[in-house]
Amino acid sequence: MEDAKNKPKEANKGNQINIELSEDIAEGVYANLAMIAHSNSEFVIDFIRLMPGVPKAKVKSRVVITPEHAKRLLLALQDNIKKFEDTFGPIKKTEETPKFPINFGGTIGEA
């Protein structure tokens, strides 16, 4: 029988994850459109920035996840939206396509 006093302690070893967040990733990337595709083994989420008056939009980030993680992401988003709305009120949803002012409300410059 082992002496429990001499055995190293394992505090929640299976539940701890050390997550590193670099400065450039911590800044985030703004996206105002997401497109989602899937296969039998993965979901692909493209986060896109659509700029007013520009006919071409760029994918700013792509995330590829398993179907199980897609489901977990859905549940986490639902939980966080509920908490947000409990604090700040309902998020307004319109069926309208978002409209962008062509010149952002300022003067139009020339290059």
N, C-alpha and C. Protein backbone atom coordinates (compact mmCIF):
# COMPACT_ATOMS: atom_id res chain seq x y z
N MET A 1 0.84 -1.19 0.00
CA MET A 1 0.00 0.00 0.00
C MET A 1 0.88 1.25 0.00
N GLU A 2 0.56 2.22 -0.91
CA GLU A 2 1.36 3.43 -1.02
C GLU A 2 1.00 4.42 0.08
N ASP A 3 1.99 5.18 0.48
CA ASP A 3 1.77 6.23 1.47
C ASP A 3 1.20 7.45 0.77
N ALA A 4 0.00 7.87 1.12
CA ALA A 4 -0.68 8.99 0.47
C ALA A 4 0.06 10.30 0.66
N LYS A 5 0.84 10.45 1.76
CA LYS A 5 1.57 11.68 2.02
C LYS A 5 2.68 11.90 1.00
N ASN A 6 3.28 10.86 0.50
CA ASN A 6 4.41 10.97 -0.42
C ASN A 6 3.99 11.00 -1.90
N LYS A 7 2.73 10.83 -2.15
CA LYS A 7 2.25 10.80 -3.53
C LYS A 7 1.97 12.23 -3.99
N PRO A 8 2.45 12.63 -5.20
CA PRO A 8 2.16 13.99 -5.69
C PRO A 8 0.67 14.18 -5.92
N LYS A 9 0.20 15.39 -5.66
CA LYS A 9 -1.22 15.71 -5.83
C LYS A 9 -1.48 16.08 -7.29
N GLU A 10 -2.59 15.61 -7.81
CA GLU A 10 -3.02 15.94 -9.17
C GLU A 10 -4.34 16.69 -9.06
N ALA A 11 -4.28 18.00 -9.10
CA ALA A 11 -5.48 18.82 -8.95
C ALA A 11 -6.17 18.99 -10.30
N ASN A 12 -7.26 18.29 -10.49
CA ASN A 12 -8.06 18.39 -11.71
C ASN A 12 -7.22 18.30 -12.98
N LYS A 13 -6.25 17.42 -12.98
CA LYS A 13 -5.34 17.32 -14.12
C LYS A 13 -6.08 17.11 -15.44
N GLY A 14 -7.14 16.31 -15.44
CA GLY A 14 -7.88 16.04 -16.66
C GLY A 14 -8.76 17.19 -17.12
N ASN A 15 -9.03 18.17 -16.26
CA ASN A 15 -9.94 19.26 -16.60
C ASN A 15 -9.24 20.58 -16.91
N GLN A 16 -7.92 20.63 -16.82
CA GLN A 16 -7.21 21.88 -17.04
C GLN A 16 -6.64 21.95 -18.45
N ILE A 17 -6.82 23.11 -19.07
CA ILE A 17 -6.24 23.38 -20.38
C ILE A 17 -5.50 24.70 -20.29
N ASN A 18 -4.28 24.72 -20.74
CA ASN A 18 -3.51 25.94 -20.77
C ASN A 18 -3.67 26.54 -22.16
N ILE A 19 -4.35 27.68 -22.24
CA ILE A 19 -4.64 28.32 -23.53
C ILE A 19 -3.76 29.55 -23.69
N GLU A 20 -3.08 29.62 -24.82
CA GLU A 20 -2.22 30.76 -25.12
C GLU A 20 -2.92 31.65 -26.14
N LEU A 21 -2.92 32.94 -25.91
CA LEU A 21 -3.53 33.91 -26.80
C LEU A 21 -2.49 34.96 -27.17
N SER A 22 -2.01 34.91 -28.41
CA SER A 22 -0.98 35.86 -28.84
C SER A 22 -1.61 37.24 -29.03
N GLU A 23 -0.77 38.28 -29.05
CA GLU A 23 -1.27 39.65 -29.18
C GLU A 23 -2.01 39.88 -30.49
N ASP A 24 -1.49 39.36 -31.59
CA ASP A 24 -2.13 39.60 -32.88
C ASP A 24 -3.49 38.90 -32.97
N ILE A 25 -3.62 37.72 -32.39
CA ILE A 25 -4.91 37.03 -32.38
C ILE A 25 -5.87 37.71 -31.40
N ALA A 26 -5.36 38.23 -30.29
CA ALA A 26 -6.19 38.89 -29.28
C ALA A 26 -6.87 40.14 -29.84
N GLU A 27 -6.28 40.76 -30.85
CA GLU A 27 -6.88 41.95 -31.45
C GLU A 27 -8.19 41.61 -32.16
N GLY A 28 -8.31 40.38 -32.63
CA GLY A 28 -9.53 39.96 -33.30
C GLY A 28 -9.59 40.44 -34.74
N VAL A 29 -10.59 39.94 -35.44
CA VAL A 29 -10.83 40.31 -36.82
C VAL A 29 -12.30 40.63 -36.94
N TYR A 30 -12.63 41.80 -37.51
CA TYR A 30 -14.03 42.18 -37.68
C TYR A 30 -14.60 41.47 -38.90
N ALA A 31 -15.77 40.89 -38.74
CA ALA A 31 -16.51 40.28 -39.84
C ALA A 31 -17.98 40.63 -39.67
N ASN A 32 -18.66 40.90 -40.79
CA ASN A 32 -20.07 41.21 -40.72
C ASN A 32 -20.91 40.25 -41.57
N LEU A 33 -20.29 39.14 -41.96
CA LEU A 33 -20.99 38.12 -42.72
C LEU A 33 -20.30 36.79 -42.45
N ALA A 34 -21.08 35.74 -42.32
CA ALA A 34 -20.51 34.40 -42.16
C ALA A 34 -21.21 33.47 -43.14
N MET A 35 -20.42 32.60 -43.74
CA MET A 35 -20.97 31.58 -44.62
C MET A 35 -20.54 30.23 -44.07
N ILE A 36 -21.49 29.30 -44.03
CA ILE A 36 -21.22 28.00 -43.43
C ILE A 36 -21.48 26.90 -44.46
N ALA A 37 -20.54 25.98 -44.56
CA ALA A 37 -20.69 24.81 -45.42
C ALA A 37 -20.35 23.59 -44.57
N HIS A 38 -20.77 22.42 -45.02
CA HIS A 38 -20.45 21.21 -44.25
C HIS A 38 -20.33 20.01 -45.17
N SER A 39 -19.59 19.04 -44.68
CA SER A 39 -19.50 17.73 -45.31
C SER A 39 -19.94 16.72 -44.26
N ASN A 40 -19.73 15.45 -44.53
CA ASN A 40 -20.11 14.45 -43.54
C ASN A 40 -19.18 14.44 -42.33
N SER A 41 -18.02 15.12 -42.43
CA SER A 41 -17.06 15.05 -41.34
C SER A 41 -16.63 16.40 -40.77
N GLU A 42 -17.08 17.52 -41.36
CA GLU A 42 -16.64 18.81 -40.85
C GLU A 42 -17.58 19.94 -41.25
N PHE A 43 -17.52 21.00 -40.46
CA PHE A 43 -18.20 22.25 -40.78
C PHE A 43 -17.11 23.27 -41.08
N VAL A 44 -17.34 24.08 -42.11
CA VAL A 44 -16.40 25.14 -42.48
C VAL A 44 -17.15 26.46 -42.33
N ILE A 45 -16.62 27.33 -41.48
CA ILE A 45 -17.24 28.63 -41.24
C ILE A 45 -16.28 29.70 -41.75
N ASP A 46 -16.70 30.44 -42.77
CA ASP A 46 -15.92 31.56 -43.30
C ASP A 46 -16.49 32.85 -42.74
N PHE A 47 -15.62 33.64 -42.11
CA PHE A 47 -15.99 34.95 -41.59
C PHE A 47 -15.50 35.98 -42.60
N ILE A 48 -16.44 36.80 -43.06
CA ILE A 48 -16.19 37.69 -44.20
C ILE A 48 -16.45 39.14 -43.79
N ARG A 49 -15.64 40.04 -44.33
CA ARG A 49 -15.87 41.47 -44.13
C ARG A 49 -16.39 42.04 -45.44
N LEU A 50 -17.63 42.52 -45.40
CA LEU A 50 -18.28 43.12 -46.56
C LEU A 50 -18.23 44.63 -46.38
N MET A 51 -17.60 45.31 -47.32
CA MET A 51 -17.47 46.77 -47.22
C MET A 51 -18.47 47.44 -48.15
N PRO A 52 -19.03 48.55 -47.71
CA PRO A 52 -20.02 49.26 -48.52
C PRO A 52 -19.43 49.76 -49.83
N GLY A 53 -20.19 49.60 -50.90
CA GLY A 53 -19.77 50.10 -52.20
C GLY A 53 -18.68 49.29 -52.87
N VAL A 54 -18.25 48.20 -52.25
CA VAL A 54 -17.20 47.36 -52.82
C VAL A 54 -17.83 46.03 -53.23
N PRO A 55 -17.79 45.70 -54.52
CA PRO A 55 -18.48 44.49 -54.97
C PRO A 55 -17.79 43.18 -54.56
N LYS A 56 -16.57 43.27 -54.07
CA LYS A 56 -15.81 42.09 -53.71
C LYS A 56 -15.61 42.05 -52.19
N ALA A 57 -15.90 40.91 -51.58
CA ALA A 57 -15.72 40.76 -50.14
C ALA A 57 -14.62 39.75 -49.89
N LYS A 58 -13.87 39.94 -48.80
CA LYS A 58 -12.76 39.04 -48.49
C LYS A 58 -13.08 38.17 -47.28
N VAL A 59 -12.70 36.91 -47.38
CA VAL A 59 -12.77 36.03 -46.22
C VAL A 59 -11.62 36.45 -45.31
N LYS A 60 -11.95 36.81 -44.08
CA LYS A 60 -10.94 37.26 -43.13
C LYS A 60 -10.44 36.14 -42.24
N SER A 61 -11.28 35.11 -42.06
CA SER A 61 -10.89 33.98 -41.23
C SER A 61 -11.74 32.78 -41.60
N ARG A 62 -11.14 31.60 -41.55
CA ARG A 62 -11.87 30.36 -41.81
C ARG A 62 -11.63 29.44 -40.62
N VAL A 63 -12.71 28.86 -40.10
CA VAL A 63 -12.63 27.92 -39.00
C VAL A 63 -13.25 26.61 -39.46
N VAL A 64 -12.51 25.53 -39.30
CA VAL A 64 -12.97 24.20 -39.67
C VAL A 64 -13.11 23.40 -38.37
N ILE A 65 -14.33 22.86 -38.14
CA ILE A 65 -14.59 22.12 -36.90
C ILE A 65 -15.38 20.85 -37.20
N THR A 66 -15.36 19.93 -36.25
CA THR A 66 -16.11 18.68 -36.39
C THR A 66 -17.60 18.95 -36.15
N PRO A 67 -18.48 18.06 -36.61
CA PRO A 67 -19.90 18.24 -36.33
C PRO A 67 -20.21 18.32 -34.83
N GLU A 68 -19.51 17.52 -34.03
CA GLU A 68 -19.74 17.59 -32.57
C GLU A 68 -19.39 18.97 -32.03
N HIS A 69 -18.28 19.52 -32.47
CA HIS A 69 -17.89 20.85 -31.99
C HIS A 69 -18.80 21.94 -32.55
N ALA A 70 -19.34 21.73 -33.75
CA ALA A 70 -20.32 22.69 -34.29
C ALA A 70 -21.55 22.73 -33.39
N LYS A 71 -21.99 21.58 -32.94
CA LYS A 71 -23.15 21.51 -32.04
C LYS A 71 -22.83 22.19 -30.71
N ARG A 72 -21.62 21.95 -30.19
CA ARG A 72 -21.21 22.61 -28.94
C ARG A 72 -21.13 24.12 -29.11
N LEU A 73 -20.66 24.57 -30.27
CA LEU A 73 -20.60 26.01 -30.56
C LEU A 73 -22.00 26.60 -30.59
N LEU A 74 -22.94 25.90 -31.23
CA LEU A 74 -24.33 26.35 -31.27
C LEU A 74 -24.88 26.52 -29.85
N LEU A 75 -24.69 25.52 -29.01
CA LEU A 75 -25.20 25.58 -27.64
C LEU A 75 -24.53 26.70 -26.84
N ALA A 76 -23.23 26.89 -27.03
CA ALA A 76 -22.51 27.96 -26.33
C ALA A 76 -23.00 29.33 -26.79
N LEU A 77 -23.25 29.49 -28.09
CA LEU A 77 -23.78 30.76 -28.59
C LEU A 77 -25.18 31.03 -28.04
N GLN A 78 -26.03 30.00 -28.02
CA GLN A 78 -27.38 30.16 -27.46
C GLN A 78 -27.32 30.60 -26.00
N ASP A 79 -26.44 29.97 -25.23
CA ASP A 79 -26.29 30.30 -23.81
C ASP A 79 -25.80 31.74 -23.65
N ASN A 80 -24.82 32.13 -24.44
CA ASN A 80 -24.27 33.48 -24.33
C ASN A 80 -25.24 34.54 -24.81
N ILE A 81 -26.01 34.26 -25.84
CA ILE A 81 -27.02 35.21 -26.31
C ILE A 81 -28.09 35.40 -25.24
N LYS A 82 -28.51 34.33 -24.59
CA LYS A 82 -29.49 34.44 -23.51
C LYS A 82 -28.94 35.32 -22.39
N LYS A 83 -27.70 35.09 -21.98
CA LYS A 83 -27.09 35.90 -20.92
C LYS A 83 -26.97 37.36 -21.34
N PHE A 84 -26.60 37.60 -22.60
CA PHE A 84 -26.50 38.97 -23.12
C PHE A 84 -27.85 39.65 -23.04
N GLU A 85 -28.91 38.97 -23.55
CA GLU A 85 -30.24 39.57 -23.57
C GLU A 85 -30.81 39.75 -22.17
N ASP A 86 -30.48 38.87 -21.24
CA ASP A 86 -30.90 39.05 -19.85
C ASP A 86 -30.30 40.32 -19.26
N THR A 87 -29.11 40.67 -19.70
CA THR A 87 -28.41 41.85 -19.18
C THR A 87 -28.78 43.12 -19.95
N PHE A 88 -28.80 43.05 -21.27
CA PHE A 88 -28.92 44.25 -22.11
C PHE A 88 -30.24 44.37 -22.87
N GLY A 89 -31.10 43.38 -22.77
CA GLY A 89 -32.36 43.41 -23.50
C GLY A 89 -32.25 42.64 -24.81
N PRO A 90 -33.40 42.45 -25.45
CA PRO A 90 -33.44 41.64 -26.66
C PRO A 90 -32.59 42.22 -27.80
N ILE A 91 -31.96 41.35 -28.54
CA ILE A 91 -31.23 41.74 -29.73
C ILE A 91 -32.26 41.87 -30.84
N LYS A 92 -32.28 43.02 -31.50
CA LYS A 92 -33.24 43.26 -32.57
C LYS A 92 -32.82 42.49 -33.81
N LYS A 93 -33.79 41.85 -34.43
CA LYS A 93 -33.53 41.09 -35.65
C LYS A 93 -34.46 41.60 -36.73
N THR A 94 -33.89 41.99 -37.86
CA THR A 94 -34.71 42.39 -38.98
C THR A 94 -34.54 41.38 -40.09
N GLU A 95 -35.54 41.25 -40.92
CA GLU A 95 -35.48 40.34 -42.06
C GLU A 95 -34.85 41.03 -43.26
N GLU A 96 -34.60 42.33 -43.11
CA GLU A 96 -34.03 43.13 -44.18
C GLU A 96 -32.56 42.79 -44.39
N THR A 97 -32.12 42.89 -45.63
CA THR A 97 -30.70 42.77 -45.93
C THR A 97 -30.01 44.00 -45.37
N PRO A 98 -28.88 43.85 -44.69
CA PRO A 98 -28.19 45.03 -44.16
C PRO A 98 -27.86 46.02 -45.27
N LYS A 99 -28.03 47.31 -44.96
CA LYS A 99 -27.73 48.37 -45.92
C LYS A 99 -26.54 49.17 -45.39
N PHE A 100 -25.62 49.45 -46.26
CA PHE A 100 -24.45 50.22 -45.89
C PHE A 100 -24.48 51.54 -46.63
N PRO A 101 -24.18 52.66 -45.96
CA PRO A 101 -24.07 53.91 -46.70
C PRO A 101 -22.82 53.83 -47.59
N ILE A 102 -22.95 54.29 -48.82
CA ILE A 102 -21.84 54.19 -49.78
C ILE A 102 -20.62 54.97 -49.28
N ASN A 103 -20.83 56.11 -48.64
CA ASN A 103 -19.68 56.93 -48.23
C ASN A 103 -19.54 57.03 -46.72
N PHE A 104 -20.18 56.16 -45.97
CA PHE A 104 -20.11 56.14 -44.50
C PHE A 104 -20.59 57.46 -43.90
N GLY A 105 -21.34 58.26 -44.64
CA GLY A 105 -21.87 59.51 -44.09
C GLY A 105 -20.89 60.66 -44.16
N GLY A 106 -19.72 60.49 -44.72
CA GLY A 106 -18.73 61.56 -44.82
C GLY A 106 -18.54 61.99 -46.26
N THR A 107 -17.50 62.77 -46.48
CA THR A 107 -17.22 63.22 -47.84
C THR A 107 -16.53 62.12 -48.62
N ILE A 108 -16.67 62.17 -49.93
CA ILE A 108 -16.05 61.17 -50.79
C ILE A 108 -14.70 61.70 -51.23
N GLY A 109 -13.66 60.93 -50.96
CA GLY A 109 -12.31 61.35 -51.34
C GLY A 109 -11.92 60.78 -52.70
N GLU A 110 -10.88 61.36 -53.26
CA GLU A 110 -10.36 60.86 -54.53
C GLU A 110 -8.91 60.45 -54.33
N ALA A 111 -8.49 59.43 -55.07
CA ALA A 111 -7.11 58.99 -54.99
C ALA A 111 -6.33 59.43 -56.19
